[in-house]
PDB file of N, CA and C in Angstrom:
ATOM      1  N   MET A   1       0.874  -1.009   0.086  1.00  0.00           N
ATOM      2  CA  MET A   1       0.065   0.204  -0.009  1.00  0.00           C
ATOM      3  C   MET A   1       1.050   1.315  -0.154  1.00  0.00           C
ATOM      4  N   ILE A   2       0.592   2.008  -1.319  1.00  0.00           N
ATOM      5  CA  ILE A   2       1.494   3.237  -1.118  1.00  0.00           C
ATOM      6  C   ILE A   2       0.462   4.674  -0.589  1.00  0.00           C
ATOM      7  N   LEU A   3       1.026   5.121   0.408  1.00  0.00           N
ATOM      8  CA  LEU A   3       0.665   6.319   1.049  1.00  0.00           C
ATOM      9  C   LEU A   3       1.207   7.487   0.634  1.00  0.00           C
ATOM     10  N   ALA A   4       0.438   8.481   0.717  1.00  0.00           N
ATOM     11  CA  ALA A   4       0.905   9.881  -0.089  1.00  0.00           C
ATOM     12  C   ALA A   4      -0.204  11.024   0.523  1.00  0.00           C
ATOM     13  N   SER A   5       0.390  12.367   1.228  1.00  0.00           N
ATOM     14  CA  SER A   5      -0.267  13.478   1.186  1.00  0.00           C
ATOM     15  C   SER A   5      -0.165  14.250   0.071  1.00  0.00           C
ATOM     16  N   ALA A   6       0.403  13.595  -0.919  1.00  0.00           N
ATOM     17  CA  ALA A   6       0.303  14.483  -2.400  1.00  0.00           C
ATOM     18  C   ALA A   6      -0.914  13.868  -2.999  1.00  0.00           C
ATOM     19  N   GLU A   7      -1.474  14.418  -3.908  1.00  0.00           N
ATOM     20  CA  GLU A   7      -2.345  13.598  -4.860  1.00  0.00           C
ATOM     21  C   GLU A   7      -2.034  13.224  -5.716  1.00  0.00           C
ATOM     22  N   THR A   8      -0.720  12.853  -6.285  1.00  0.00           N
ATOM     23  CA  THR A   8      -0.433  12.088  -7.315  1.00  0.00           C
ATOM     24  C   THR A   8       1.249  11.453  -6.497  1.00  0.00           C
ATOM     25  N   VAL A   9       1.588  10.287  -7.150  1.00  0.00           N
ATOM     26  CA  VAL A   9       2.618   9.828  -6.617  1.00  0.00           C
ATOM     27  C   VAL A   9       3.556   9.482  -7.778  1.00  0.00           C
ATOM     28  N   ALA A  10       4.762   9.977  -7.440  1.00  0.00           N
ATOM     29  CA  ALA A  10       5.990   9.900  -8.825  1.00  0.00           C
ATOM     30  C   ALA A  10       6.048   8.387  -9.124  1.00  0.00           C
ATOM     31  N   GLY A  11       6.143   8.037 -10.575  1.00  0.00           N
ATOM     32  CA  GLY A  11       6.208   6.795 -11.069  1.00  0.00           C
ATOM     33  C   GLY A  11       4.909   5.798 -10.855  1.00  0.00           C
ATOM     34  N   HIS A  12       3.665   6.740 -10.862  1.00  0.00           N
ATOM     35  CA  HIS A  12       2.473   5.910 -10.602  1.00  0.00           C
ATOM     36  C   HIS A  12       1.217   6.700 -11.351  1.00  0.00           C
ATOM     37  N   ARG A  13       0.215   6.196 -11.788  1.00  0.00           N
ATOM     38  CA  ARG A  13      -0.885   7.186 -12.376  1.00  0.00           C
ATOM     39  C   ARG A  13      -1.887   6.842 -11.588  1.00  0.00           C
ATOM     40  N   VAL A  14      -2.780   7.407 -11.385  1.00  0.00           N
ATOM     41  CA  VAL A  14      -4.170   6.719 -10.449  1.00  0.00           C
ATOM     42  C   VAL A  14      -4.818   6.482 -11.694  1.00  0.00           C
ATOM     43  N   SER A  15      -5.254   5.077 -11.582  1.00  0.00           N
ATOM     44  CA  SER A  15      -5.842   4.267 -12.819  1.00  0.00           C
ATOM     45  C   SER A  15      -7.550   4.011 -12.174  1.00  0.00           C
ATOM     46  N   ARG A  16      -8.063   4.519 -11.145  1.00  0.00           N
ATOM     47  CA  ARG A  16      -9.020   4.323 -10.532  1.00  0.00           C
ATOM     48  C   ARG A  16      -9.378   4.998  -8.932  1.00  0.00           C
ATOM     49  N   THR A  17     -10.234   5.814  -9.204  1.00  0.00           N
ATOM     50  CA  THR A  17     -10.525   6.588  -7.628  1.00  0.00           C
ATOM     51  C   THR A  17     -11.790   5.395  -6.956  1.00  0.00           C
ATOM     52  N   LEU A  18     -11.459   5.374  -5.919  1.00  0.00           N
ATOM     53  CA  LEU A  18     -12.325   4.389  -4.921  1.00  0.00           C
ATOM     54  C   LEU A  18     -13.181   4.930  -4.124  1.00  0.00           C
ATOM     55  N   GLY A  19     -12.790   6.126  -3.538  1.00  0.00           N
ATOM     56  CA  GLY A  19     -13.620   6.952  -2.301  1.00  0.00           C
ATOM     57  C   GLY A  19     -12.490   6.876  -1.271  1.00  0.00           C
ATOM     58  N   LEU A  20     -13.726   7.974  -0.637  1.00  0.00           N
ATOM     59  CA  LEU A  20     -12.755   8.409   0.764  1.00  0.00           C
ATOM     60  C   LEU A  20     -12.803   7.370   1.541  1.00  0.00           C
ATOM     61  N   VAL A  21     -11.744   6.910   2.448  1.00  0.00           N
ATOM     62  CA  VAL A  21     -11.164   6.092   3.650  1.00  0.00           C
ATOM     63  C   VAL A  21     -11.053   7.296   4.627  1.00  0.00           C
ATOM     64  N   ARG A  22     -10.868   6.465   5.889  1.00  0.00           N
ATOM     65  CA  ARG A  22     -10.654   7.161   7.193  1.00  0.00           C
ATOM     66  C   ARG A  22     -10.395   6.151   7.976  1.00  0.00           C
ATOM     67  N   GLY A  23      -9.789   6.447   9.295  1.00  0.00           N
ATOM     68  CA  GLY A  23      -9.667   5.878  10.538  1.00  0.00           C
ATOM     69  C   GLY A  23      -9.178   6.985  11.316  1.00  0.00           C
ATOM     70  N   SER A  24     -10.007   6.392  12.525  1.00  0.00           N
ATOM     71  CA  SER A  24      -9.992   7.444  14.044  1.00  0.00           C
ATOM     72  C   SER A  24      -9.759   6.582  15.239  1.00  0.00           C
ATOM     73  N   SER A  25      -9.111   7.037  16.085  1.00  0.00           N
ATOM     74  CA  SER A  25      -9.132   6.396  17.372  1.00  0.00           C
ATOM     75  C   SER A  25      -9.092   7.708  18.594  1.00  0.00           C
ATOM     76  N   VAL A  26     -10.048   7.309  19.404  1.00  0.00           N
ATOM     77  CA  VAL A  26     -10.231   8.211  20.765  1.00  0.00           C
ATOM     78  C   VAL A  26      -9.251   7.646  21.838  1.00  0.00           C
ATOM     79  N   ARG A  27      -8.405   8.617  22.615  1.00  0.00           N
ATOM     80  CA  ARG A  27      -7.593   8.354  23.591  1.00  0.00           C
ATOM     81  C   ARG A  27      -7.928   9.148  24.769  1.00  0.00           C
ATOM     82  N   VAL A  28      -7.702   8.535  25.727  1.00  0.00           N
ATOM     83  CA  VAL A  28      -8.071   9.324  27.330  1.00  0.00           C
ATOM     84  C   VAL A  28      -6.603   9.740  28.117  1.00  0.00           C
ATOM     85  N   ARG A  29      -5.852  10.710  28.301  1.00  0.00           N
ATOM     86  CA  ARG A  29      -5.157  10.781  29.196  1.00  0.00           C
ATOM     87  C   ARG A  29      -5.073   9.969  30.351  1.00  0.00           C
ATOM     88  N   HIS A  30      -3.762   9.482  30.845  1.00  0.00           N
ATOM     89  CA  HIS A  30      -3.553   8.749  31.951  1.00  0.00           C
ATOM     90  C   HIS A  30      -2.841   9.361  33.098  1.00  0.00           C
ATOM     91  N   VAL A  31      -3.662   9.128  34.242  1.00  0.00           N
ATOM     92  CA  VAL A  31      -3.652   9.898  35.246  1.00  0.00           C
ATOM     93  C   VAL A  31      -2.056  10.352  35.824  1.00  0.00           C
ATOM     94  N   GLY A  32      -1.584   9.060  35.746  1.00  0.00           N
ATOM     95  CA  GLY A  32      -0.263   9.063  36.013  1.00  0.00           C
ATOM     96  C   GLY A  32       0.879   9.749  35.220  1.00  0.00           C
ATOM     97  N   LYS A  33       0.487   9.305  33.677  1.00  0.00           N
ATOM     98  CA  LYS A  33       1.302  10.511  32.825  1.00  0.00           C
ATOM     99  C   LYS A  33       1.259  11.476  32.785  1.00  0.00           C
ATOM    100  N   ASP A  34      -0.089  12.224  33.267  1.00  0.00           N
ATOM    101  CA  ASP A  34      -0.403  13.566  33.131  1.00  0.00           C
ATOM    102  C   ASP A  34       0.653  14.388  34.335  1.00  0.00           C
ATOM    103  N   ILE A  35       0.539  13.693  35.541  1.00  0.00           N
ATOM    104  CA  ILE A  35       1.354  13.956  36.681  1.00  0.00           C
ATOM    105  C   ILE A  35       3.006  14.014  36.181  1.00  0.00           C
ATOM    106  N   MET A  36       3.566  13.003  35.547  1.00  0.00           N
ATOM    107  CA  MET A  36       4.934  13.105  34.932  1.00  0.00           C
ATOM    108  C   MET A  36       5.070  14.620  34.056  1.00  0.00           C
ATOM    109  N   ALA A  37       4.089  14.611  32.995  1.00  0.00           N
ATOM    110  CA  ALA A  37       4.169  15.884  32.126  1.00  0.00           C
ATOM    111  C   ALA A  37       4.049  17.152  32.494  1.00  0.00           C
ATOM    112  N   SER A  38       2.868  16.804  34.273  1.00  0.00           N
ATOM    113  CA  SER A  38       2.732  18.290  34.583  1.00  0.00           C
ATOM    114  C   SER A  38       4.066  18.588  35.165  1.00  0.00           C
ATOM    115  N   LEU A  39       4.893  17.512  35.800  1.00  0.00           N
ATOM    116  CA  LEU A  39       6.219  17.986  36.302  1.00  0.00           C
ATOM    117  C   LEU A  39       7.628  18.580  34.877  1.00  0.00           C
ATOM    118  N   ARG A  40       7.429  17.641  34.103  1.00  0.00           N
ATOM    119  CA  ARG A  40       8.118  18.456  32.975  1.00  0.00           C
ATOM    120  C   ARG A  40       7.832  19.495  32.354  1.00  0.00           C
ATOM    121  N   ASN A  41       6.656  20.117  32.715  1.00  0.00           N
ATOM    122  CA  ASN A  41       6.223  21.313  32.457  1.00  0.00           C
ATOM    123  C   ASN A  41       7.114  21.873  33.068  1.00  0.00           C
ATOM    124  N   LEU A  42       6.929  22.105  34.254  1.00  0.00           N
ATOM    125  CA  LEU A  42       7.707  22.919  35.124  1.00  0.00           C
ATOM    126  C   LEU A  42       9.102  23.115  34.920  1.00  0.00           C
ATOM    127  N   ALA A  43       9.937  22.073  34.196  1.00  0.00           N
ATOM    128  CA  ALA A  43      11.125  22.189  33.993  1.00  0.00           C
ATOM    129  C   ALA A  43      11.419  22.794  32.496  1.00  0.00           C
ATOM    130  N   GLY A  44      10.503  22.257  31.636  1.00  0.00           N
ATOM    131  CA  GLY A  44      10.405  22.872  30.024  1.00  0.00           C
ATOM    132  C   GLY A  44      10.556  21.619  29.255  1.00  0.00           C
ATOM    133  N   GLY A  45      10.924  21.737  28.167  1.00  0.00           N
ATOM    134  CA  GLY A  45      11.317  20.922  27.385  1.00  0.00           C
ATOM    135  C   GLY A  45       9.998  19.792  26.649  1.00  0.00           C
ATOM    136  N   GLU A  46      10.246  18.794  26.000  1.00  0.00           N
ATOM    137  CA  GLU A  46       9.412  17.761  25.196  1.00  0.00           C
ATOM    138  C   GLU A  46       8.382  16.923  26.339  1.00  0.00           C
ATOM    139  N   VAL A  47       7.267  16.759  26.167  1.00  0.00           N
ATOM    140  CA  VAL A  47       6.553  15.938  27.029  1.00  0.00           C
ATOM    141  C   VAL A  47       6.401  14.740  26.798  1.00  0.00           C
ATOM    142  N   TYR A  48       7.530  13.624  26.767  1.00  0.00           N
ATOM    143  CA  TYR A  48       7.869  12.401  25.942  1.00  0.00           C
ATOM    144  C   TYR A  48       6.412  11.460  26.289  1.00  0.00           C
ATOM    145  N   GLU A  49       5.786  11.581  27.468  1.00  0.00           N
ATOM    146  CA  GLU A  49       4.687  10.841  27.164  1.00  0.00           C
ATOM    147  C   GLU A  49       3.416  11.243  26.511  1.00  0.00           C
ATOM    148  N   TYR A  50       3.147  12.297  26.092  1.00  0.00           N
ATOM    149  CA  TYR A  50       2.468  12.965  25.315  1.00  0.00           C
ATOM    150  C   TYR A  50       2.790  12.656  23.854  1.00  0.00           C
ATOM    151  N   THR A  51       3.948  12.786  23.618  1.00  0.00           N
ATOM    152  CA  THR A  51       4.618  12.788  22.361  1.00  0.00           C
ATOM    153  C   THR A  51       4.516  10.907  22.214  1.00  0.00           C
ATOM    154  N   LYS A  52       4.626  10.268  22.979  1.00  0.00           N
ATOM    155  CA  LYS A  52       4.385   8.679  22.495  1.00  0.00           C
ATOM    156  C   LYS A  52       2.869   8.158  22.118  1.00  0.00           C
ATOM    157  N   LEU A  53       2.222   9.050  23.301  1.00  0.00           N
ATOM    158  CA  LEU A  53       0.586   8.944  23.008  1.00  0.00           C
ATOM    159  C   LEU A  53       0.121   9.054  21.905  1.00  0.00           C
ATOM    160  N   LEU A  54       0.512  10.305  21.133  1.00  0.00           N
ATOM    161  CA  LEU A  54      -0.206  10.925  19.718  1.00  0.00           C
ATOM    162  C   LEU A  54       0.729  10.056  18.819  1.00  0.00           C
ATOM    163  N   ALA A  55       1.934   9.977  18.960  1.00  0.00           N
ATOM    164  CA  ALA A  55       2.339   8.576  17.887  1.00  0.00           C
ATOM    165  C   ALA A  55       1.605   7.224  17.954  1.00  0.00           C
ATOM    166  N   GLU A  56       1.229   6.959  19.041  1.00  0.00           N
ATOM    167  CA  GLU A  56       0.705   5.502  19.190  1.00  0.00           C
ATOM    168  C   GLU A  56      -0.858   5.637  18.355  1.00  0.00           C
ATOM    169  N   VAL A  57      -1.770   6.643  18.699  1.00  0.00           N
ATOM    170  CA  VAL A  57      -2.615   7.191  17.999  1.00  0.00           C
ATOM    171  C   VAL A  57      -2.997   7.768  16.477  1.00  0.00           C
ATOM    172  N   ARG A  58      -1.865   8.252  16.080  1.00  0.00           N
ATOM    173  CA  ARG A  58      -1.724   8.531  14.552  1.00  0.00           C
ATOM    174  C   ARG A  58      -1.459   7.139  14.253  1.00  0.00           C
ATOM    175  N   GLU A  59      -0.525   6.066  14.612  1.00  0.00           N
ATOM    176  CA  GLU A  59      -0.493   4.967  13.793  1.00  0.00           C
ATOM    177  C   GLU A  59      -1.842   3.823  13.432  1.00  0.00           C
ATOM    178  N   GLN A  60      -2.546   4.030  14.975  1.00  0.00           N
ATOM    179  CA  GLN A  60      -3.658   3.237  15.003  1.00  0.00           C
ATOM    180  C   GLN A  60      -4.431   3.862  13.768  1.00  0.00           C
ATOM    181  N   ALA A  61      -4.764   5.256  13.874  1.00  0.00           N
ATOM    182  CA  ALA A  61      -5.945   6.486  12.934  1.00  0.00           C
ATOM    183  C   ALA A  61      -5.485   5.515  11.450  1.00  0.00           C
ATOM    184  N   VAL A  62      -4.229   5.165  11.222  1.00  0.00           N
ATOM    185  CA  VAL A  62      -3.380   4.980   9.887  1.00  0.00           C
ATOM    186  C   VAL A  62      -3.895   3.780   9.601  1.00  0.00           C
ATOM    187  N   ASP A  63      -3.381   2.806  10.448  1.00  0.00           N
ATOM    188  CA  ASP A  63      -3.918   1.335  10.340  1.00  0.00           C
ATOM    189  C   ASP A  63      -5.693   1.130   9.943  1.00  0.00           C
ATOM    190  N   ARG A  64      -6.192   1.866  10.808  1.00  0.00           N
ATOM    191  CA  ARG A  64      -7.792   1.855  10.481  1.00  0.00           C
ATOM    192  C   ARG A  64      -7.974   2.518   9.155  1.00  0.00           C
ATOM    193  N   MET A  65      -7.345   3.142   8.558  1.00  0.00           N
ATOM    194  CA  MET A  65      -7.749   3.793   7.456  1.00  0.00           C
ATOM    195  C   MET A  65      -7.189   3.050   6.204  1.00  0.00           C
ATOM    196  N   VAL A  66      -6.147   2.061   6.519  1.00  0.00           N
ATOM    197  CA  VAL A  66      -5.276   1.351   5.467  1.00  0.00           C
ATOM    198  C   VAL A  66      -6.600  -0.082   5.487  1.00  0.00           C
ATOM    199  N   GLU A  67      -7.029  -0.347   6.694  1.00  0.00           N
ATOM    200  CA  GLU A  67      -8.048  -1.638   6.239  1.00  0.00           C
ATOM    201  C   GLU A  67      -8.826  -1.131   5.655  1.00  0.00           C
ATOM    202  N   GLU A  68      -9.715  -0.151   5.662  1.00  0.00           N
ATOM    203  CA  GLU A  68     -10.726   0.160   4.964  1.00  0.00           C
ATOM    204  C   GLU A  68     -10.505   0.666   3.280  1.00  0.00           C
ATOM    205  N   ALA A  69      -9.037   0.742   3.152  1.00  0.00           N
ATOM    206  CA  ALA A  69      -9.084   0.955   1.648  1.00  0.00           C
ATOM    207  C   ALA A  69      -8.650  -0.518   1.130  1.00  0.00           C
ATOM    208  N   ARG A  70      -7.857  -1.443   1.643  1.00  0.00           N
ATOM    209  CA  ARG A  70      -7.886  -2.596   1.077  1.00  0.00           C
ATOM    210  C   ARG A  70      -8.936  -3.055   1.222  1.00  0.00           C
ATOM    211  N   ALA A  71     -10.136  -3.006   2.055  1.00  0.00           N
ATOM    212  CA  ALA A  71     -11.736  -3.608   1.896  1.00  0.00           C
ATOM    213  C   ALA A  71     -11.714  -3.185   0.377  1.00  0.00           C
ATOM    214  N   LEU A  72     -11.721  -2.043  -0.090  1.00  0.00           N
ATOM    215  CA  LEU A  72     -12.357  -1.481  -0.900  1.00  0.00           C
ATOM    216  C   LEU A  72     -11.543  -1.777  -2.786  1.00  0.00           C
ATOM    217  N   GLY A  73      -9.900  -2.559  -2.257  1.00  0.00           N
ATOM    218  CA  GLY A  73      -9.284  -3.002  -3.286  1.00  0.00           C
ATOM    219  C   GLY A  73      -8.470  -2.090  -3.877  1.00  0.00           C
ATOM    220  N   ALA A  74      -8.121  -1.296  -2.969  1.00  0.00           N
ATOM    221  CA  ALA A  74      -6.969  -0.108  -3.540  1.00  0.00           C
ATOM    222  C   ALA A  74      -5.547  -0.947  -2.511  1.00  0.00           C
ATOM    223  N   ASN A  75      -4.679  -0.113  -3.645  1.00  0.00           N
ATOM    224  CA  ASN A  75      -3.178  -0.383  -3.470  1.00  0.00           C
ATOM    225  C   ASN A  75      -2.512   1.163  -3.230  1.00  0.00           C
ATOM    226  N   GLY A  76      -3.250   1.932  -2.987  1.00  0.00           N
ATOM    227  CA  GLY A  76      -3.057   3.236  -2.738  1.00  0.00           C
ATOM    228  C   GLY A  76      -3.636   4.165  -2.172  1.00  0.00           C
ATOM    229  N   ILE A  77      -3.525   5.264  -1.105  1.00  0.00           N
ATOM    230  CA  ILE A  77      -4.165   6.256  -0.685  1.00  0.00           C
ATOM    231  C   ILE A  77      -3.369   7.504  -0.539  1.00  0.00           C
ATOM    232  N   VAL A  78      -3.943   8.373  -1.370  1.00  0.00           N
ATOM    233  CA  VAL A  78      -3.797  10.206  -1.486  1.00  0.00           C
ATOM    234  C   VAL A  78      -4.390  10.807  -0.955  1.00  0.00           C
ATOM    235  N   ALA A  79      -3.576  12.283  -1.104  1.00  0.00           N
ATOM    236  CA  ALA A  79      -4.266  13.548  -0.172  1.00  0.00           C
ATOM    237  C   ALA A  79      -4.837  13.131   1.091  1.00  0.00           C
ATOM    238  N   ILE A  80      -3.366  12.454   1.778  1.00  0.00           N
ATOM    239  CA  ILE A  80      -3.524  12.116   3.169  1.00  0.00           C
ATOM    240  C   ILE A  80      -3.723  13.115   4.174  1.00  0.00           C
ATOM    241  N   ARG A  81      -4.943  13.227   5.293  1.00  0.00           N
ATOM    242  CA  ARG A  81      -4.894  14.700   6.015  1.00  0.00           C
ATOM    243  C   ARG A  81      -4.873  14.110   7.595  1.00  0.00           C
ATOM    244  N   PHE A  82      -4.420  14.610   8.470  1.00  0.00           N
ATOM    245  CA  PHE A  82      -4.785  14.323   9.821  1.00  0.00           C
ATOM    246  C   PHE A  82      -5.608  15.637  10.162  1.00  0.00           C
ATOM    247  N   GLN A  83      -6.634  14.990  11.278  1.00  0.00           N
ATOM    248  CA  GLN A  83      -7.479  15.983  12.019  1.00  0.00           C
ATOM    249  C   GLN A  83      -7.429  15.546  13.429  1.00  0.00           C
ATOM    250  N   SER A  84      -7.320  16.778  14.473  1.00  0.00           N
ATOM    251  CA  SER A  84      -7.411  15.952  15.859  1.00  0.00           C
ATOM    252  C   SER A  84      -8.846  17.084  16.647  1.00  0.00           C
ATOM    253  N   ALA A  85      -9.650  16.283  17.360  1.00  0.00           N
ATOM    254  CA  ALA A  85     -10.307  17.444  18.454  1.00  0.00           C
ATOM    255  C   ALA A  85     -10.327  16.616  19.479  1.00  0.00           C
ATOM    256  N   GLU A  86     -11.056  17.516  20.392  1.00  0.00           N
ATOM    257  CA  GLU A  86     -11.154  17.599  21.641  1.00  0.00           C
ATOM    258  C   GLU A  86     -12.454  16.861  21.944  1.00  0.00           C
ATOM    259  N   VAL A  87     -12.854  15.530  22.379  1.00  0.00           N
ATOM    260  CA  VAL A  87     -13.916  14.981  22.619  1.00  0.00           C
ATOM    261  C   VAL A  87     -14.691  15.285  23.476  1.00  0.00           C
ATOM    262  N   SER A  88     -13.821  15.328  24.834  1.00  0.00           N
ATOM    263  CA  SER A  88     -14.662  15.488  26.078  1.00  0.00           C
ATOM    264  C   SER A  88     -13.257  16.168  26.874  1.00  0.00           C
ATOM    265  N   LYS A  89     -13.018  16.551  28.273  1.00  0.00           N
ATOM    266  CA  LYS A  89     -11.869  17.199  29.198  1.00  0.00           C
ATOM    267  C   LYS A  89     -11.074  16.173  29.031  1.00  0.00           C
ATOM    268  N   GLY A  90      -9.872  15.787  28.590  1.00  0.00           N
ATOM    269  CA  GLY A  90      -9.091  15.039  28.654  1.00  0.00           C
ATOM    270  C   GLY A  90      -9.253  13.617  27.800  1.00  0.00           C
ATOM    271  N   ALA A  91     -10.023  13.646  26.483  1.00  0.00           N
ATOM    272  CA  ALA A  91     -10.168  12.839  25.754  1.00  0.00           C
ATOM    273  C   ALA A  91      -9.985  13.425  24.611  1.00  0.00           C
ATOM    274  N   ALA A  92      -9.279  12.697  23.505  1.00  0.00           N
ATOM    275  CA  ALA A  92      -9.208  13.259  22.173  1.00  0.00           C
ATOM    276  C   ALA A  92      -9.234  12.238  21.389  1.00  0.00           C
ATOM    277  N   GLU A  93      -9.819  13.069  19.958  1.00  0.00           N
ATOM    278  CA  GLU A  93      -9.848  11.985  18.499  1.00  0.00           C
ATOM    279  C   GLU A  93      -8.858  12.177  17.980  1.00  0.00           C
ATOM    280  N   MET A  94      -8.106  11.612  17.002  1.00  0.00           N
ATOM    281  CA  MET A  94      -7.121  11.782  15.859  1.00  0.00           C
ATOM    282  C   MET A  94      -7.959  10.755  14.793  1.00  0.00           C
ATOM    283  N   MET A  95      -7.804  11.882  13.991  1.00  0.00           N
ATOM    284  CA  MET A  95      -8.834  10.802  12.624  1.00  0.00           C
ATOM    285  C   MET A  95      -7.595  11.379  11.466  1.00  0.00           C
ATOM    286  N   CYS A  96      -7.784  10.203  10.427  1.00  0.00           N
ATOM    287  CA  CYS A  96      -6.908  10.487   9.283  1.00  0.00           C
ATOM    288  C   CYS A  96      -7.655  10.049   8.280  1.00  0.00           C
ATOM    289  N   TYR A  97      -7.282  10.887   7.088  1.00  0.00           N
ATOM    290  CA  TYR A  97      -8.621  10.438   5.830  1.00  0.00           C
ATOM    291  C   TYR A  97      -7.396  10.649   4.580  1.00  0.00           C
ATOM    292  N   GLY A  98      -8.096  10.163   3.440  1.00  0.00           N
ATOM    293  CA  GLY A  98      -7.393  10.424   2.116  1.00  0.00           C
ATOM    294  C   GLY A  98      -8.663   9.499   1.038  1.00  0.00           C
ATOM    295  N   THR A  99      -8.102   9.753  -0.279  1.00  0.00           N
ATOM    296  CA  THR A  99      -8.838   9.107  -1.091  1.00  0.00           C
ATOM    297  C   THR A  99      -7.960   7.653  -1.426  1.00  0.00           C
ATOM    298  N   ALA A 100      -8.382   6.886  -1.349  1.00  0.00           N
ATOM    299  CA  ALA A 100      -8.314   5.537  -1.777  1.00  0.00           C
ATOM    300  C   ALA A 100      -8.143   5.275  -3.722  1.00  0.00           C
ATOM    301  N   VAL A 101      -7.181   4.485  -3.763  1.00  0.00           N
ATOM    302  CA  VAL A 101      -6.982   4.549  -5.263  1.00  0.00           C
ATOM    303  C   VAL A 101      -6.487   3.347  -5.847  1.00  0.00           C
ATOM    304  N   GLU A 102      -6.386   2.968  -7.684  1.00  0.00           N
ATOM    305  CA  GLU A 102      -5.717   1.837  -7.647  1.00  0.00           C
ATOM    306  C   GLU A 102      -4.626   3.003  -8.575  1.00  0.00           C
ATOM    307  N   LEU A 103      -3.543   2.378  -8.234  1.00  0.00           N
ATOM    308  CA  LEU A 103      -2.229   3.001  -8.606  1.00  0.00           C
ATOM    309  C   LEU A 103      -1.853   2.116  -9.839  1.00  0.00           C
ATOM    310  N   GLY A 104      -1.714   2.496 -10.810  1.00  0.00           N
ATOM    311  CA  GLY A 104      -0.782   1.819 -11.850  1.00  0.00           C
ATOM    312  C   GLY A 104       0.196   2.247 -12.303  1.00  0.00           C
ATOM    313  N   GLU A 105       1.366   1.493 -12.786  1.00  0.00           N
ATOM    314  CA  GLU A 105       2.570   2.259 -13.211  1.00  0.00           C
ATOM    315  C   GLU A 105       2.514   3.007 -14.828  1.00  0.00           C
ATOM    316  N   GLU A 106       3.388   3.987 -14.052  1.00  0.00           N
ATOM    317  CA  GLU A 106       3.110   5.234 -15.416  1.00  0.00           C
ATOM    318  C   GLU A 106       3.947   4.767 -16.789  1.00  0.00           C
ATOM    319  N   GLY A 107       3.331   5.442 -17.903  1.00  0.00           N
ATOM    320  CA  GLY A 107       4.159   5.235 -18.898  1.00  0.00           C
ATOM    321  C   GLY A 107       3.264   3.920 -19.661  1.00  0.00           C
TER     322      GLY A 107
END
């Protein structure tokens, strides 16, 4: 599966557009990690606990989007975008979406 944030993929042509695909995941903060993050906030610098949490939730959203694209018979997803939103206090959704396509060799 080829994933691209661009609308085209070098060396390939879109031979068929299969439609919008998306994946999302909602995560809540962990009290223990919040305490560590608060302490890091006092000292400054990167909040590793949240960096790791966001990386995990992005990967899960991408995996779910890819599953949806495979079910349509796609071998690529173009124009991929990410969006996040607060669902409730301490809970956020990460959504990933794009256009599932069939890619063929250029030329």
